[in-house]
Amino acid sequence: DSIGDASFAANMNGANVTIVHSTFRAEGNKVIASAQAK
């Protein structure tokens, strides 16, 4: 989550939106991610 959040925020820099949240978690060999913005 720490790495994902930082990368996501950098990727969204300059976008005319307000980030509500982003979440990254492990599930076996998968990384599951979700995000919401306004």
ModelCIF file with pLDDT and N, C-alpha, C, O atoms, coordinates in Angstrom:
data_MODEL
#
_entry.id   MODEL 
#
_entity.id                         1 
_entity.type                       polymer 
_entity.pdbx_number_of_molecules   1 
#
_entity_poly.entity_id                      1 
_entity_poly.type                           'polypeptide(L)' 
_entity_poly.nstd_linkage                   no 
_entity_poly.nstd_monomer                   no 
_entity_poly.pdbx_seq_one_letter_code       DSIGDASFAANMNGANVTIVHSTFRAEGNKVIASAQAK 
_entity_poly.pdbx_seq_one_letter_code_can   DSIGDASFAANMNGANVTIVHSTFRAEGNKVIASAQAK 
_entity_poly.pdbx_strand_id                 A 
#
loop_
_entity_poly_seq.entity_id 
_entity_poly_seq.num 
_entity_poly_seq.mon_id 
_entity_poly_seq.hetero 
1 1  ASP n 
1 2  SER n 
1 3  ILE n 
1 4  GLY n 
1 5  ASP n 
1 6  ALA n 
1 7  SER n 
1 8  PHE n 
1 9  ALA n 
1 10 ALA n 
1 11 ASN n 
1 12 MET n 
1 13 ASN n 
1 14 GLY n 
1 15 ALA n 
1 16 ASN n 
1 17 VAL n 
1 18 THR n 
1 19 ILE n 
1 20 VAL n 
1 21 HIS n 
1 22 SER n 
1 23 THR n 
1 24 PHE n 
1 25 ARG n 
1 26 ALA n 
1 27 GLU n 
1 28 GLY n 
1 29 ASN n 
1 30 LYS n 
1 31 VAL n 
1 32 ILE n 
1 33 ALA n 
1 34 SER n 
1 35 ALA n 
1 36 GLN n 
1 37 ALA n 
1 38 LYS n 
#
_struct_asym.id          A 
_struct_asym.entity_id   1 
#
loop_
_ma_qa_metric.id 
_ma_qa_metric.mode 
_ma_qa_metric.name 
_ma_qa_metric.software_group_id 
_ma_qa_metric.type 
1 global pLDDT . pLDDT 
2 local  pLDDT . pLDDT 
#
_ma_qa_metric_global.metric_id      1 
_ma_qa_metric_global.metric_value   92.05 
_ma_qa_metric_global.model_id       1 
_ma_qa_metric_global.ordinal_id     1 
#
loop_
_ma_qa_metric_local.label_asym_id 
_ma_qa_metric_local.label_comp_id 
_ma_qa_metric_local.label_seq_id 
_ma_qa_metric_local.metric_id 
_ma_qa_metric_local.metric_value 
_ma_qa_metric_local.model_id 
_ma_qa_metric_local.ordinal_id 
A ASP 1  2 95.00 1 1  
A SER 2  2 95.00 1 2  
A ILE 3  2 95.00 1 3  
A GLY 4  2 96.00 1 4  
A ASP 5  2 96.00 1 5  
A ALA 6  2 96.00 1 6  
A SER 7  2 96.00 1 7  
A PHE 8  2 96.00 1 8  
A ALA 9  2 95.00 1 9  
A ALA 10 2 95.00 1 10 
A ASN 11 2 94.00 1 11 
A MET 12 2 93.00 1 12 
A ASN 13 2 91.00 1 13 
A GLY 14 2 84.00 1 14 
A ALA 15 2 81.00 1 15 
A ASN 16 2 82.00 1 16 
A VAL 17 2 89.00 1 17 
A THR 18 2 91.00 1 18 
A ILE 19 2 94.00 1 19 
A VAL 20 2 94.00 1 20 
A HIS 21 2 94.00 1 21 
A SER 22 2 96.00 1 22 
A THR 23 2 97.00 1 23 
A PHE 24 2 96.00 1 24 
A ARG 25 2 94.00 1 25 
A ALA 26 2 89.00 1 26 
A GLU 27 2 86.00 1 27 
A GLY 28 2 78.00 1 28 
A ASN 29 2 77.00 1 29 
A LYS 30 2 86.00 1 30 
A VAL 31 2 92.00 1 31 
A ILE 32 2 95.00 1 32 
A ALA 33 2 96.00 1 33 
A SER 34 2 96.00 1 34 
A ALA 35 2 96.00 1 35 
A GLN 36 2 96.00 1 36 
A ALA 37 2 94.00 1 37 
A LYS 38 2 92.00 1 38 
#
loop_
_atom_site.group_PDB 
_atom_site.id 
_atom_site.type_symbol 
_atom_site.label_atom_id 
_atom_site.label_alt_id 
_atom_site.label_comp_id 
_atom_site.label_asym_id 
_atom_site.label_entity_id 
_atom_site.label_seq_id 
_atom_site.pdbx_PDB_ins_code 
_atom_site.Cartn_x 
_atom_site.Cartn_y 
_atom_site.Cartn_z 
_atom_site.occupancy 
_atom_site.B_iso_or_equiv 
_atom_site.pdbx_formal_charge 
_atom_site.auth_seq_id 
_atom_site.auth_comp_id 
_atom_site.auth_asym_id 
_atom_site.auth_atom_id 
_atom_site.pdbx_PDB_model_num 
ATOM 1   N N  . ASP A 1 1  ? 0.832   -1.204  0.000   1.00 95.00 ? 1  ASP A N  1 
ATOM 2   C CA . ASP A 1 1  ? 0.000   0.000   0.000   1.00 95.00 ? 1  ASP A CA 1 
ATOM 3   C C  . ASP A 1 1  ? 0.868   1.255   0.000   1.00 95.00 ? 1  ASP A C  1 
ATOM 4   O O  . ASP A 1 1  ? 0.548   2.238   -0.669  1.00 95.00 ? 1  ASP A O  1 
ATOM 5   N N  . SER A 1 2  ? 1.957   1.217   0.747   1.00 95.00 ? 2  SER A N  1 
ATOM 6   C CA . SER A 1 2  ? 2.838   2.375   0.802   1.00 95.00 ? 2  SER A CA 1 
ATOM 7   C C  . SER A 1 2  ? 3.437   2.683   -0.566  1.00 95.00 ? 2  SER A C  1 
ATOM 8   O O  . SER A 1 2  ? 3.451   3.834   -1.004  1.00 95.00 ? 2  SER A O  1 
ATOM 9   N N  . ILE A 1 3  ? 3.931   1.642   -1.236  1.00 95.00 ? 3  ILE A N  1 
ATOM 10  C CA . ILE A 1 3  ? 4.540   1.832   -2.559  1.00 95.00 ? 3  ILE A CA 1 
ATOM 11  C C  . ILE A 1 3  ? 3.473   2.188   -3.585  1.00 95.00 ? 3  ILE A C  1 
ATOM 12  O O  . ILE A 1 3  ? 3.671   3.086   -4.404  1.00 95.00 ? 3  ILE A O  1 
ATOM 13  N N  . GLY A 1 4  ? 2.341   1.487   -3.543  1.00 96.00 ? 4  GLY A N  1 
ATOM 14  C CA . GLY A 1 4  ? 1.269   1.739   -4.495  1.00 96.00 ? 4  GLY A CA 1 
ATOM 15  C C  . GLY A 1 4  ? 0.696   3.134   -4.373  1.00 96.00 ? 4  GLY A C  1 
ATOM 16  O O  . GLY A 1 4  ? 0.473   3.804   -5.382  1.00 96.00 ? 4  GLY A O  1 
ATOM 17  N N  . ASP A 1 5  ? 0.451   3.586   -3.137  1.00 96.00 ? 5  ASP A N  1 
ATOM 18  C CA . ASP A 1 5  ? -0.110  4.919   -2.919  1.00 96.00 ? 5  ASP A CA 1 
ATOM 19  C C  . ASP A 1 5  ? 0.802   6.002   -3.478  1.00 96.00 ? 5  ASP A C  1 
ATOM 20  O O  . ASP A 1 5  ? 0.345   6.935   -4.139  1.00 96.00 ? 5  ASP A O  1 
ATOM 21  N N  . ALA A 1 6  ? 2.096   5.868   -3.206  1.00 96.00 ? 6  ALA A N  1 
ATOM 22  C CA . ALA A 1 6  ? 3.057   6.872   -3.674  1.00 96.00 ? 6  ALA A CA 1 
ATOM 23  C C  . ALA A 1 6  ? 3.102   6.926   -5.200  1.00 96.00 ? 6  ALA A C  1 
ATOM 24  O O  . ALA A 1 6  ? 3.120   8.004   -5.793  1.00 96.00 ? 6  ALA A O  1 
ATOM 25  N N  . SER A 1 7  ? 3.119   5.758   -5.819  1.00 96.00 ? 7  SER A N  1 
ATOM 26  C CA . SER A 1 7  ? 3.156   5.702   -7.281  1.00 96.00 ? 7  SER A CA 1 
ATOM 27  C C  . SER A 1 7  ? 1.867   6.243   -7.878  1.00 96.00 ? 7  SER A C  1 
ATOM 28  O O  . SER A 1 7  ? 1.903   6.967   -8.873  1.00 96.00 ? 7  SER A O  1 
ATOM 29  N N  . PHE A 1 8  ? 0.733   5.903   -7.285  1.00 96.00 ? 8  PHE A N  1 
ATOM 30  C CA . PHE A 1 8  ? -0.562  6.355   -7.789  1.00 96.00 ? 8  PHE A CA 1 
ATOM 31  C C  . PHE A 1 8  ? -0.684  7.875   -7.695  1.00 96.00 ? 8  PHE A C  1 
ATOM 32  O O  . PHE A 1 8  ? -1.153  8.522   -8.632  1.00 96.00 ? 8  PHE A O  1 
ATOM 33  N N  . ALA A 1 9  ? -0.267  8.434   -6.582  1.00 95.00 ? 9  ALA A N  1 
ATOM 34  C CA . ALA A 1 9  ? -0.334  9.885   -6.407  1.00 95.00 ? 9  ALA A CA 1 
ATOM 35  C C  . ALA A 1 9  ? 0.544   10.593  -7.433  1.00 95.00 ? 9  ALA A C  1 
ATOM 36  O O  . ALA A 1 9  ? 0.158   11.625  -7.983  1.00 95.00 ? 9  ALA A O  1 
ATOM 37  N N  . ALA A 1 10 ? 1.724   10.034  -7.687  1.00 95.00 ? 10 ALA A N  1 
ATOM 38  C CA . ALA A 1 10 ? 2.622   10.638  -8.680  1.00 95.00 ? 10 ALA A CA 1 
ATOM 39  C C  . ALA A 1 10 ? 2.019   10.555  -10.077 1.00 95.00 ? 10 ALA A C  1 
ATOM 40  O O  . ALA A 1 10 ? 2.126   11.497  -10.863 1.00 95.00 ? 10 ALA A O  1 
ATOM 41  N N  . ASN A 1 11 ? 1.385   9.427   -10.383 1.00 94.00 ? 11 ASN A N  1 
ATOM 42  C CA . ASN A 1 11 ? 0.778   9.253   -11.700 1.00 94.00 ? 11 ASN A CA 1 
ATOM 43  C C  . ASN A 1 11 ? -0.415  10.185  -11.912 1.00 94.00 ? 11 ASN A C  1 
ATOM 44  O O  . ASN A 1 11 ? -0.709  10.573  -13.043 1.00 94.00 ? 11 ASN A O  1 
ATOM 45  N N  . MET A 1 12 ? -1.102  10.545  -10.823 1.00 93.00 ? 12 MET A N  1 
ATOM 46  C CA . MET A 1 12 ? -2.280  11.411  -10.907 1.00 93.00 ? 12 MET A CA 1 
ATOM 47  C C  . MET A 1 12 ? -1.938  12.889  -10.740 1.00 93.00 ? 12 MET A C  1 
ATOM 48  O O  . MET A 1 12 ? -2.828  13.738  -10.790 1.00 93.00 ? 12 MET A O  1 
ATOM 49  N N  . ASN A 1 13 ? -0.681  13.198  -10.545 1.00 91.00 ? 13 ASN A N  1 
ATOM 50  C CA . ASN A 1 13 ? -0.269  14.588  -10.337 1.00 91.00 ? 13 ASN A CA 1 
ATOM 51  C C  . ASN A 1 13 ? -0.648  15.438  -11.549 1.00 91.00 ? 13 ASN A C  1 
ATOM 52  O O  . ASN A 1 13 ? -0.325  15.092  -12.686 1.00 91.00 ? 13 ASN A O  1 
ATOM 53  N N  . GLY A 1 14 ? -1.340  16.562  -11.292 1.00 84.00 ? 14 GLY A N  1 
ATOM 54  C CA . GLY A 1 14 ? -1.759  17.448  -12.369 1.00 84.00 ? 14 GLY A CA 1 
ATOM 55  C C  . GLY A 1 14 ? -3.155  17.200  -12.872 1.00 84.00 ? 14 GLY A C  1 
ATOM 56  O O  . GLY A 1 14 ? -3.704  18.022  -13.606 1.00 84.00 ? 14 GLY A O  1 
ATOM 57  N N  . ALA A 1 15 ? -3.750  16.071  -12.488 1.00 81.00 ? 15 ALA A N  1 
ATOM 58  C CA . ALA A 1 15 ? -5.124  15.785  -12.898 1.00 81.00 ? 15 ALA A CA 1 
ATOM 59  C C  . ALA A 1 15 ? -6.088  16.664  -12.107 1.00 81.00 ? 15 ALA A C  1 
ATOM 60  O O  . ALA A 1 15 ? -5.891  16.893  -10.914 1.00 81.00 ? 15 ALA A O  1 
ATOM 61  N N  . ASN A 1 16 ? -7.136  17.158  -12.781 1.00 82.00 ? 16 ASN A N  1 
ATOM 62  C CA . ASN A 1 16 ? -8.099  18.051  -12.139 1.00 82.00 ? 16 ASN A CA 1 
ATOM 63  C C  . ASN A 1 16 ? -9.153  17.245  -11.387 1.00 82.00 ? 16 ASN A C  1 
ATOM 64  O O  . ASN A 1 16 ? -10.347 17.345  -11.670 1.00 82.00 ? 16 ASN A O  1 
ATOM 65  N N  . VAL A 1 17 ? -8.694  16.445  -10.425 1.00 89.00 ? 17 VAL A N  1 
ATOM 66  C CA . VAL A 1 17 ? -9.578  15.600  -9.622  1.00 89.00 ? 17 VAL A CA 1 
ATOM 67  C C  . VAL A 1 17 ? -9.103  15.640  -8.179  1.00 89.00 ? 17 VAL A C  1 
ATOM 68  O O  . VAL A 1 17 ? -7.982  16.058  -7.890  1.00 89.00 ? 17 VAL A O  1 
ATOM 69  N N  . THR A 1 18 ? -9.967  15.204  -7.287  1.00 91.00 ? 18 THR A N  1 
ATOM 70  C CA . THR A 1 18 ? -9.609  15.050  -5.879  1.00 91.00 ? 18 THR A CA 1 
ATOM 71  C C  . THR A 1 18 ? -9.588  13.564  -5.540  1.00 91.00 ? 18 THR A C  1 
ATOM 72  O O  . THR A 1 18 ? -10.622 12.901  -5.609  1.00 91.00 ? 18 THR A O  1 
ATOM 73  N N  . ILE A 1 19 ? -8.404  13.027  -5.168  1.00 94.00 ? 19 ILE A N  1 
ATOM 74  C CA . ILE A 1 19 ? -8.299  11.608  -4.831  1.00 94.00 ? 19 ILE A CA 1 
ATOM 75  C C  . ILE A 1 19 ? -8.958  11.355  -3.483  1.00 94.00 ? 19 ILE A C  1 
ATOM 76  O O  . ILE A 1 19 ? -8.649  12.017  -2.493  1.00 94.00 ? 19 ILE A O  1 
ATOM 77  N N  . VAL A 1 20 ? -9.860  10.400  -3.458  1.00 94.00 ? 20 VAL A N  1 
ATOM 78  C CA . VAL A 1 20 ? -10.540 10.022  -2.217  1.00 94.00 ? 20 VAL A CA 1 
ATOM 79  C C  . VAL A 1 20 ? -9.725  8.979   -1.473  1.00 94.00 ? 20 VAL A C  1 
ATOM 80  O O  . VAL A 1 20 ? -9.469  9.117   -0.277  1.00 94.00 ? 20 VAL A O  1 
ATOM 81  N N  . HIS A 1 21 ? -9.315  7.930   -2.187  1.00 94.00 ? 21 HIS A N  1 
ATOM 82  C CA . HIS A 1 21 ? -8.485  6.886   -1.571  1.00 94.00 ? 21 HIS A CA 1 
ATOM 83  C C  . HIS A 1 21 ? -7.884  6.002   -2.653  1.00 94.00 ? 21 HIS A C  1 
ATOM 84  O O  . HIS A 1 21 ? -8.372  5.966   -3.783  1.00 94.00 ? 21 HIS A O  1 
ATOM 85  N N  . SER A 1 22 ? -6.825  5.292   -2.299  1.00 96.00 ? 22 SER A N  1 
ATOM 86  C CA . SER A 1 22 ? -6.280  4.210   -3.128  1.00 96.00 ? 22 SER A CA 1 
ATOM 87  C C  . SER A 1 22 ? -5.822  3.118   -2.181  1.00 96.00 ? 22 SER A C  1 
ATOM 88  O O  . SER A 1 22 ? -5.285  3.403   -1.111  1.00 96.00 ? 22 SER A O  1 
ATOM 89  N N  . THR A 1 23 ? -6.032  1.874   -2.568  1.00 97.00 ? 23 THR A N  1 
ATOM 90  C CA . THR A 1 23 ? -5.726  0.735   -1.704  1.00 97.00 ? 23 THR A CA 1 
ATOM 91  C C  . THR A 1 23 ? -5.029  -0.348  -2.512  1.00 97.00 ? 23 THR A C  1 
ATOM 92  O O  . THR A 1 23 ? -5.445  -0.676  -3.623  1.00 97.00 ? 23 THR A O  1 
ATOM 93  N N  . PHE A 1 24 ? -3.957  -0.902  -1.936  1.00 96.00 ? 24 PHE A N  1 
ATOM 94  C CA . PHE A 1 24 ? -3.212  -1.994  -2.574  1.00 96.00 ? 24 PHE A CA 1 
ATOM 95  C C  . PHE A 1 24 ? -3.016  -3.099  -1.539  1.00 96.00 ? 24 PHE A C  1 
ATOM 96  O O  . PHE A 1 24 ? -2.600  -2.829  -0.412  1.00 96.00 ? 24 PHE A O  1 
ATOM 97  N N  . ARG A 1 25 ? -3.313  -4.331  -1.916  1.00 94.00 ? 25 ARG A N  1 
ATOM 98  C CA . ARG A 1 25 ? -3.175  -5.441  -0.983  1.00 94.00 ? 25 ARG A CA 1 
ATOM 99  C C  . ARG A 1 25 ? -2.766  -6.705  -1.735  1.00 94.00 ? 25 ARG A C  1 
ATOM 100 O O  . ARG A 1 25 ? -2.920  -6.810  -2.951  1.00 94.00 ? 25 ARG A O  1 
ATOM 101 N N  . ALA A 1 26 ? -2.240  -7.659  -0.968  1.00 89.00 ? 26 ALA A N  1 
ATOM 102 C CA . ALA A 1 26 ? -1.797  -8.928  -1.555  1.00 89.00 ? 26 ALA A CA 1 
ATOM 103 C C  . ALA A 1 26 ? -2.881  -9.987  -1.423  1.00 89.00 ? 26 ALA A C  1 
ATOM 104 O O  . ALA A 1 26 ? -3.596  -10.063 -0.424  1.00 89.00 ? 26 ALA A O  1 
ATOM 105 N N  . GLU A 1 27 ? -2.976  -10.793 -2.459  1.00 86.00 ? 27 GLU A N  1 
ATOM 106 C CA . GLU A 1 27 ? -3.877  -11.947 -2.431  1.00 86.00 ? 27 GLU A CA 1 
ATOM 107 C C  . GLU A 1 27 ? -3.188  -13.073 -3.198  1.00 86.00 ? 27 GLU A C  1 
ATOM 108 O O  . GLU A 1 27 ? -3.300  -13.176 -4.419  1.00 86.00 ? 27 GLU A O  1 
ATOM 109 N N  . GLY A 1 28 ? -2.473  -13.914 -2.450  1.00 78.00 ? 28 GLY A N  1 
ATOM 110 C CA . GLY A 1 28 ? -1.639  -14.922 -3.099  1.00 78.00 ? 28 GLY A CA 1 
ATOM 111 C C  . GLY A 1 28 ? -0.536  -14.237 -3.882  1.00 78.00 ? 28 GLY A C  1 
ATOM 112 O O  . GLY A 1 28 ? 0.192   -13.407 -3.336  1.00 78.00 ? 28 GLY A O  1 
ATOM 113 N N  . ASN A 1 29 ? -0.407  -14.576 -5.158  1.00 77.00 ? 29 ASN A N  1 
ATOM 114 C CA . ASN A 1 29 ? 0.592   -13.942 -6.016  1.00 77.00 ? 29 ASN A CA 1 
ATOM 115 C C  . ASN A 1 29 ? 0.051   -12.701 -6.711  1.00 77.00 ? 29 ASN A C  1 
ATOM 116 O O  . ASN A 1 29 ? 0.712   -12.149 -7.591  1.00 77.00 ? 29 ASN A O  1 
ATOM 117 N N  . LYS A 1 30 ? -1.136  -12.257 -6.331  1.00 86.00 ? 30 LYS A N  1 
ATOM 118 C CA . LYS A 1 30 ? -1.752  -11.098 -6.965  1.00 86.00 ? 30 LYS A CA 1 
ATOM 119 C C  . LYS A 1 30 ? -1.649  -9.866  -6.089  1.00 86.00 ? 30 LYS A C  1 
ATOM 120 O O  . LYS A 1 30 ? -1.614  -9.958  -4.862  1.00 86.00 ? 30 LYS A O  1 
ATOM 121 N N  . VAL A 1 31 ? -1.600  -8.711  -6.737  1.00 92.00 ? 31 VAL A N  1 
ATOM 122 C CA . VAL A 1 31 ? -1.749  -7.428  -6.061  1.00 92.00 ? 31 VAL A CA 1 
ATOM 123 C C  . VAL A 1 31 ? -3.089  -6.854  -6.509  1.00 92.00 ? 31 VAL A C  1 
ATOM 124 O O  . VAL A 1 31 ? -3.296  -6.582  -7.692  1.00 92.00 ? 31 VAL A O  1 
ATOM 125 N N  . ILE A 1 32 ? -3.990  -6.675  -5.556  1.00 95.00 ? 32 ILE A N  1 
ATOM 126 C CA . ILE A 1 32 ? -5.331  -6.163  -5.828  1.00 95.00 ? 32 ILE A CA 1 
ATOM 127 C C  . ILE A 1 32 ? -5.349  -4.679  -5.479  1.00 95.00 ? 32 ILE A C  1 
ATOM 128 O O  . ILE A 1 32 ? -4.949  -4.296  -4.380  1.00 95.00 ? 32 ILE A O  1 
ATOM 129 N N  . ALA A 1 33 ? -5.812  -3.836  -6.412  1.00 96.00 ? 33 ALA A N  1 
ATOM 130 C CA . ALA A 1 33 ? -5.796  -2.391  -6.188  1.00 96.00 ? 33 ALA A CA 1 
ATOM 131 C C  . ALA A 1 33 ? -7.140  -1.770  -6.549  1.00 96.00 ? 33 ALA A C  1 
ATOM 132 O O  . ALA A 1 33 ? -7.823  -2.230  -7.464  1.00 96.00 ? 33 ALA A O  1 
ATOM 133 N N  . SER A 1 34 ? -7.504  -0.738  -5.832  1.00 96.00 ? 34 SER A N  1 
ATOM 134 C CA . SER A 1 34 ? -8.720  0.029   -6.136  1.00 96.00 ? 34 SER A CA 1 
ATOM 135 C C  . SER A 1 34 ? -8.467  1.483   -5.779  1.00 96.00 ? 34 SER A C  1 
ATOM 136 O O  . SER A 1 34 ? -7.627  1.786   -4.931  1.00 96.00 ? 34 SER A O  1 
ATOM 137 N N  . ALA A 1 35 ? -9.199  2.384   -6.430  1.00 96.00 ? 35 ALA A N  1 
ATOM 138 C CA . ALA A 1 35 ? -9.043  3.809   -6.167  1.00 96.00 ? 35 ALA A CA 1 
ATOM 139 C C  . ALA A 1 35 ? -10.352 4.530   -6.460  1.00 96.00 ? 35 ALA A C  1 
ATOM 140 O O  . ALA A 1 35 ? -11.181 4.048   -7.232  1.00 96.00 ? 35 ALA A O  1 
ATOM 141 N N  . GLN A 1 36 ? -10.526 5.685   -5.839  1.00 96.00 ? 36 GLN A N  1 
ATOM 142 C CA . GLN A 1 36 ? -11.719 6.497   -6.037  1.00 96.00 ? 36 GLN A CA 1 
ATOM 143 C C  . GLN A 1 36 ? -11.307 7.969   -6.029  1.00 96.00 ? 36 GLN A C  1 
ATOM 144 O O  . GLN A 1 36 ? -10.419 8.375   -5.279  1.00 96.00 ? 36 GLN A O  1 
ATOM 145 N N  . ALA A 1 37 ? -11.962 8.755   -6.872  1.00 94.00 ? 37 ALA A N  1 
ATOM 146 C CA . ALA A 1 37 ? -11.677 10.189  -6.943  1.00 94.00 ? 37 ALA A CA 1 
ATOM 147 C C  . ALA A 1 37 ? -12.960 10.945  -7.264  1.00 94.00 ? 37 ALA A C  1 
ATOM 148 O O  . ALA A 1 37 ? -13.960 10.345  -7.658  1.00 94.00 ? 37 ALA A O  1 
ATOM 149 N N  . LYS A 1 38 ? -12.925 12.263  -7.095  1.00 92.00 ? 38 LYS A N  1 
ATOM 150 C CA . LYS A 1 38 ? -14.080 13.117  -7.385  1.00 92.00 ? 38 LYS A CA 1 
ATOM 151 C C  . LYS A 1 38 ? -13.696 14.174  -8.413  1.00 92.00 ? 38 LYS A C  1 
ATOM 152 O O  . LYS A 1 38 ? -14.529 14.996  -8.795  1.00 92.00 ? 38 LYS A O  1 
#
